Amino acid sequence: MARLPAELLVLLLLFARIGTVTMLLPAFSEEAIPGRIRLLLGLGVTLGLYGLVRPRLVPLAEAGGLIAPLSCELLVGLALGLVVRLVFQASAMAGAVISMQIGLTSALVSDPALGGQAPLLARFASLAAAMLCLALDQHHHWIAALLRSYAAFPPGAMPPAADFARLAVTGCGEATALALSMAAPMLLYAMVFNIMLGFAARMAPAIQIFFIAQPLAIMLGLGLLGTVIGAMLTTFANGMAAILAGLGIA
């Protein structure tokens, strides 16, 4: 019983980092999931990793003090969760690019993850990518990354701001490259289609070719998207795993 306060402090420090990351992870941080469910999920992951991480936190708990180590754990969890979420936004970026190429940028839906409205295909790509990551057990890599973060960022130590800034910039660049690679078939389609419309407009300048061909552009674009969506999502899942591994997160 004498060790009970120390054990509770260990659990609190562990929950500070893991709970913060869980509240920001893709799929688990959706507004459609109630806050209590997300907190319970974070608590479940905390209890599952408690035995593995406890030896690293016991000396910190026995040293006394709560505010400083708790703040450090919250900052590390916040930084890790934001980096993973930033990389995951590659799917939404790809959906926004595709919407622009086929003329659906005005079709907007509410996106709670972004706190506003987003193109329809961007929201669809985000949900499809989240479902695929869960189906392919990508979330297991995220949980394993939580465990490895205690070796990379020791508990109680202030997170290095320069390293996290470099991590965020690199992740943003990699996510943008991944989004463009996902949208590459649609970019090629839009280029070819617009070149053909340009030739048609030159041959018949009195006809509003671009206005007349807009429904055809949307129909052909959606047909091509339905053909390549499987390859796009597979590219996203493999690319995200590679990016996180390259960043040392997963």
Protein backbone atom coordinates (compact mmCIF):
# COMPACT_ATOMS: atom_id res chain seq x y z
CA MET A 1 0.00 0.00 0.00
CA ALA A 2 2.96 2.32 0.59
CA ARG A 3 3.79 2.20 -3.12
CA LEU A 4 0.25 3.00 -4.17
CA PRO A 5 0.78 6.77 -4.63
CA ALA A 6 3.94 6.13 -6.67
CA GLU A 7 2.11 3.60 -8.86
CA LEU A 8 -0.72 6.07 -9.41
CA LEU A 9 1.81 8.72 -10.42
CA VAL A 10 3.38 6.28 -12.90
CA LEU A 11 -0.06 5.57 -14.36
CA LEU A 12 -0.84 9.29 -14.57
CA LEU A 13 2.44 10.06 -16.36
CA LEU A 14 1.88 7.19 -18.76
CA PHE A 15 -1.68 8.30 -19.48
CA ALA A 16 -0.53 11.90 -20.08
CA ARG A 17 1.54 10.92 -23.12
CA ILE A 18 -0.56 8.04 -24.45
CA GLY A 19 -3.90 9.75 -23.86
CA THR A 20 -2.75 12.88 -25.67
CA VAL A 21 -1.54 10.88 -28.67
CA THR A 22 -4.75 8.83 -28.74
CA MET A 23 -6.87 11.98 -28.84
CA LEU A 24 -4.98 13.07 -31.98
CA LEU A 25 -4.51 9.82 -33.86
CA PRO A 26 -6.32 9.48 -37.21
CA ALA A 27 -9.63 7.58 -37.09
CA PHE A 28 -9.65 7.66 -33.27
CA SER A 29 -9.78 11.46 -33.08
CA GLU A 30 -12.87 11.93 -35.25
CA GLU A 31 -15.56 14.19 -33.81
CA ALA A 32 -18.06 11.41 -34.46
CA ILE A 33 -16.39 9.42 -31.66
CA PRO A 34 -17.53 10.78 -28.27
CA GLY A 35 -14.85 12.23 -26.03
CA ARG A 36 -15.53 9.68 -23.31
CA ILE A 37 -14.94 6.83 -25.74
CA ARG A 38 -11.62 8.36 -26.79
CA LEU A 39 -10.61 8.78 -23.16
CA LEU A 40 -11.52 5.17 -22.42
CA LEU A 41 -9.52 4.07 -25.48
CA GLY A 42 -6.51 6.03 -24.22
CA LEU A 43 -6.92 4.51 -20.77
CA GLY A 44 -7.11 1.01 -22.28
CA VAL A 45 -3.90 1.52 -24.26
CA THR A 46 -2.27 2.95 -21.14
CA LEU A 47 -3.15 -0.12 -19.08
CA GLY A 48 -1.98 -2.38 -21.90
CA LEU A 49 1.46 -0.71 -22.07
CA TYR A 50 1.76 -0.15 -18.32
CA GLY A 51 3.85 -3.24 -17.62
CA LEU A 52 6.24 -2.53 -20.50
CA VAL A 53 6.86 1.15 -19.74
CA ARG A 54 6.64 1.09 -15.93
CA PRO A 55 10.40 0.53 -15.32
CA ARG A 56 11.19 3.77 -17.17
CA LEU A 57 8.72 5.80 -15.11
CA VAL A 58 9.28 4.41 -11.61
CA PRO A 59 12.47 6.46 -10.92
CA LEU A 60 10.70 9.60 -12.08
CA ALA A 61 7.70 8.89 -9.85
CA GLU A 62 9.89 8.15 -6.82
CA ALA A 63 11.82 11.40 -7.32
CA GLY A 64 8.69 13.36 -6.49
CA GLY A 65 7.16 16.30 -8.30
CA LEU A 66 4.25 16.20 -10.67
CA ILE A 67 3.80 19.43 -12.63
CA ALA A 68 7.11 19.45 -14.54
CA PRO A 69 7.19 15.79 -15.65
CA LEU A 70 3.46 15.82 -16.42
CA SER A 71 3.88 18.91 -18.62
CA CYS A 72 6.79 17.28 -20.46
CA GLU A 73 4.77 14.12 -21.12
CA LEU A 74 1.82 16.16 -22.41
CA LEU A 75 4.09 18.10 -24.78
CA VAL A 76 5.74 14.95 -26.14
CA GLY A 77 2.36 13.29 -26.68
CA LEU A 78 1.01 16.40 -28.38
CA ALA A 79 4.00 16.64 -30.71
CA LEU A 80 3.92 12.95 -31.68
CA GLY A 81 0.17 12.97 -32.29
CA LEU A 82 0.34 16.11 -34.43
CA VAL A 83 3.13 14.68 -36.60
CA VAL A 84 1.17 11.48 -37.28
CA ARG A 85 -1.96 13.50 -37.98
CA LEU A 86 -0.02 15.78 -40.32
CA VAL A 87 1.23 12.84 -42.37
CA PHE A 88 -2.27 11.36 -42.48
CA GLN A 89 -3.59 14.57 -44.06
CA ALA A 90 -1.96 13.38 -47.31
CA SER A 91 -5.22 11.57 -48.06
CA ALA A 92 -7.26 14.77 -47.67
CA MET A 93 -4.76 16.70 -49.79
CA ALA A 94 -5.01 14.09 -52.53
CA GLY A 95 -8.81 14.27 -52.42
CA ALA A 96 -8.72 18.07 -52.67
CA VAL A 97 -6.38 17.91 -55.68
CA ILE A 98 -8.62 15.35 -57.38
CA SER A 99 -11.70 17.50 -56.72
CA MET A 100 -9.98 20.41 -58.39
CA GLN A 101 -9.02 18.36 -61.44
CA ILE A 102 -12.48 17.00 -62.18
CA GLY A 103 -14.43 20.13 -61.27
CA LEU A 104 -15.97 19.23 -57.92
CA THR A 105 -14.36 21.91 -55.77
CA SER A 106 -17.75 23.54 -55.15
CA ALA A 107 -19.17 20.31 -53.70
CA LEU A 108 -18.38 20.93 -50.03
CA VAL A 109 -19.24 18.93 -46.94
CA SER A 110 -18.60 19.51 -43.27
CA ASP A 111 -15.28 18.07 -42.09
CA PRO A 112 -15.04 18.04 -38.27
CA ALA A 113 -11.39 16.97 -38.46
CA LEU A 114 -10.51 20.26 -40.19
CA GLY A 115 -13.02 22.34 -38.27
CA GLY A 116 -14.84 23.56 -41.36
CA GLN A 117 -15.88 22.60 -44.85
CA ALA A 118 -13.83 20.49 -47.25
CA PRO A 119 -14.32 19.17 -50.79
CA LEU A 120 -16.49 16.07 -50.94
CA LEU A 121 -13.73 13.88 -52.38
CA ALA A 122 -11.27 15.08 -49.72
CA ARG A 123 -13.62 13.93 -46.97
CA PHE A 124 -14.25 10.65 -48.80
CA ALA A 125 -10.51 10.04 -49.21
CA SER A 126 -9.90 10.72 -45.50
CA LEU A 127 -12.58 8.27 -44.37
CA ALA A 128 -11.50 5.62 -46.88
CA ALA A 129 -7.86 5.97 -45.81
CA ALA A 130 -8.81 5.65 -42.14
CA MET A 131 -10.82 2.49 -42.81
CA LEU A 132 -7.98 1.01 -44.87
CA CYS A 133 -5.40 1.76 -42.17
CA LEU A 134 -7.56 0.00 -39.59
CA ALA A 135 -8.18 -2.94 -41.94
CA LEU A 136 -4.44 -3.31 -42.61
CA ASP A 137 -3.60 -3.03 -38.89
CA GLN A 138 -1.66 0.20 -39.38
CA HIS A 139 -2.87 1.30 -35.96
CA HIS A 140 -0.72 -1.46 -34.47
CA HIS A 141 2.33 0.42 -35.79
CA TRP A 142 1.06 3.60 -34.13
CA ILE A 143 0.78 1.82 -30.79
CA ALA A 144 4.25 0.29 -31.25
CA ALA A 145 5.55 3.78 -32.00
CA LEU A 146 4.15 4.94 -28.66
CA LEU A 147 6.17 2.25 -26.94
CA ARG A 148 9.36 3.16 -28.82
CA SER A 149 8.87 6.85 -28.08
CA TYR A 150 9.91 6.23 -24.47
CA ALA A 151 13.36 5.23 -25.71
CA ALA A 152 13.64 8.17 -28.13
CA PHE A 153 12.19 10.75 -25.72
CA PRO A 154 12.95 9.80 -22.09
CA PRO A 155 10.13 10.51 -19.63
CA GLY A 156 10.36 13.76 -17.72
CA ALA A 157 12.74 15.41 -20.20
CA MET A 158 11.69 18.49 -22.10
CA PRO A 159 11.09 17.55 -25.75
CA PRO A 160 13.71 19.02 -28.12
CA ALA A 161 11.88 21.75 -30.02
CA ALA A 162 14.39 21.82 -32.90
CA ASP A 163 14.07 18.07 -33.50
CA PHE A 164 10.28 18.18 -33.48
CA ALA A 165 10.26 21.20 -35.80
CA ARG A 166 12.54 19.35 -38.23
CA LEU A 167 10.30 16.31 -37.91
CA ALA A 168 7.19 18.36 -38.70
CA VAL A 169 8.77 20.05 -41.74
CA THR A 170 10.04 16.75 -43.12
CA GLY A 171 6.70 15.07 -42.50
CA CYS A 172 4.85 17.91 -44.24
CA GLY A 173 7.06 17.58 -47.32
CA GLU A 174 6.72 13.82 -47.42
CA ALA A 175 2.94 14.05 -46.98
CA THR A 176 2.68 16.51 -49.87
CA ALA A 177 4.75 14.24 -52.11
CA LEU A 178 2.56 11.28 -51.13
CA ALA A 179 -0.62 13.26 -51.90
CA LEU A 180 0.67 14.19 -55.35
CA SER A 181 1.66 10.60 -56.08
CA MET A 182 -1.84 9.45 -55.09
CA ALA A 183 -3.46 12.06 -57.34
CA ALA A 184 -1.03 11.51 -60.25
CA PRO A 185 -3.51 9.53 -62.45
CA MET A 186 -6.11 12.27 -62.08
CA LEU A 187 -3.54 14.99 -62.77
CA LEU A 188 -2.58 13.23 -65.98
CA TYR A 189 -6.25 12.82 -66.92
CA ALA A 190 -6.96 16.52 -66.33
CA MET A 191 -3.94 17.54 -68.38
CA VAL A 192 -4.92 15.40 -71.37
CA PHE A 193 -8.60 16.36 -71.14
CA ASN A 194 -7.88 20.10 -70.97
CA ILE A 195 -5.43 19.91 -73.86
CA MET A 196 -8.12 18.22 -75.96
CA LEU A 197 -10.64 20.90 -74.94
CA GLY A 198 -8.14 23.57 -75.90
CA PHE A 199 -7.79 22.10 -79.38
CA ALA A 200 -11.58 21.86 -79.67
CA ALA A 201 -11.97 25.48 -78.58
CA ARG A 202 -9.49 26.58 -81.23
CA MET A 203 -11.41 24.74 -83.94
CA ALA A 204 -14.81 26.07 -82.82
CA PRO A 205 -14.18 29.36 -80.99
CA ALA A 206 -17.86 30.36 -81.10
CA ILE A 207 -18.89 27.43 -78.91
CA GLN A 208 -18.41 27.49 -75.15
CA ILE A 209 -16.51 24.20 -75.13
CA PHE A 210 -15.35 24.31 -71.52
CA PHE A 211 -18.87 25.01 -70.23
CA ILE A 212 -20.44 22.30 -72.39
CA ALA A 213 -17.78 19.70 -71.54
CA GLN A 214 -17.96 20.19 -67.76
CA PRO A 215 -20.46 17.34 -67.17
CA LEU A 216 -18.34 15.07 -69.36
CA ALA A 217 -15.24 16.00 -67.36
CA ILE A 218 -16.97 15.11 -64.10
CA MET A 219 -18.36 11.83 -65.46
CA LEU A 220 -15.03 10.68 -66.93
CA GLY A 221 -13.17 11.84 -63.83
CA LEU A 222 -15.41 9.91 -61.46
CA GLY A 223 -15.17 6.84 -63.70
CA LEU A 224 -11.38 6.99 -63.68
CA LEU A 225 -11.36 7.62 -59.93
CA GLY A 226 -13.46 4.50 -59.37
CA THR A 227 -10.93 2.53 -61.41
CA VAL A 228 -7.79 3.69 -59.60
CA ILE A 229 -9.12 4.31 -56.05
CA GLY A 230 -7.90 0.91 -54.85
CA ALA A 231 -4.35 1.54 -56.06
CA MET A 232 -4.45 5.05 -54.59
CA LEU A 233 -5.43 3.87 -51.13
CA THR A 234 -2.86 1.07 -51.19
CA THR A 235 -0.22 3.62 -52.15
CA PHE A 236 -1.33 5.78 -49.23
CA ALA A 237 -1.14 2.95 -46.69
CA ASN A 238 2.30 1.83 -47.85
CA GLY A 239 3.53 5.40 -48.20
CA MET A 240 2.36 6.45 -44.76
CA ALA A 241 4.04 3.45 -43.14
CA ALA A 242 7.27 4.23 -45.02
CA ILE A 243 7.14 7.92 -44.06
CA LEU A 244 6.58 7.21 -40.38
CA ALA A 245 9.36 4.61 -40.42
CA GLY A 246 11.68 7.11 -42.12
CA LEU A 247 10.85 9.73 -39.50
CA GLY A 248 11.60 7.22 -36.76
CA ILE A 249 8.04 7.31 -35.41
CA ALA A 250 6.86 3.84 -36.49
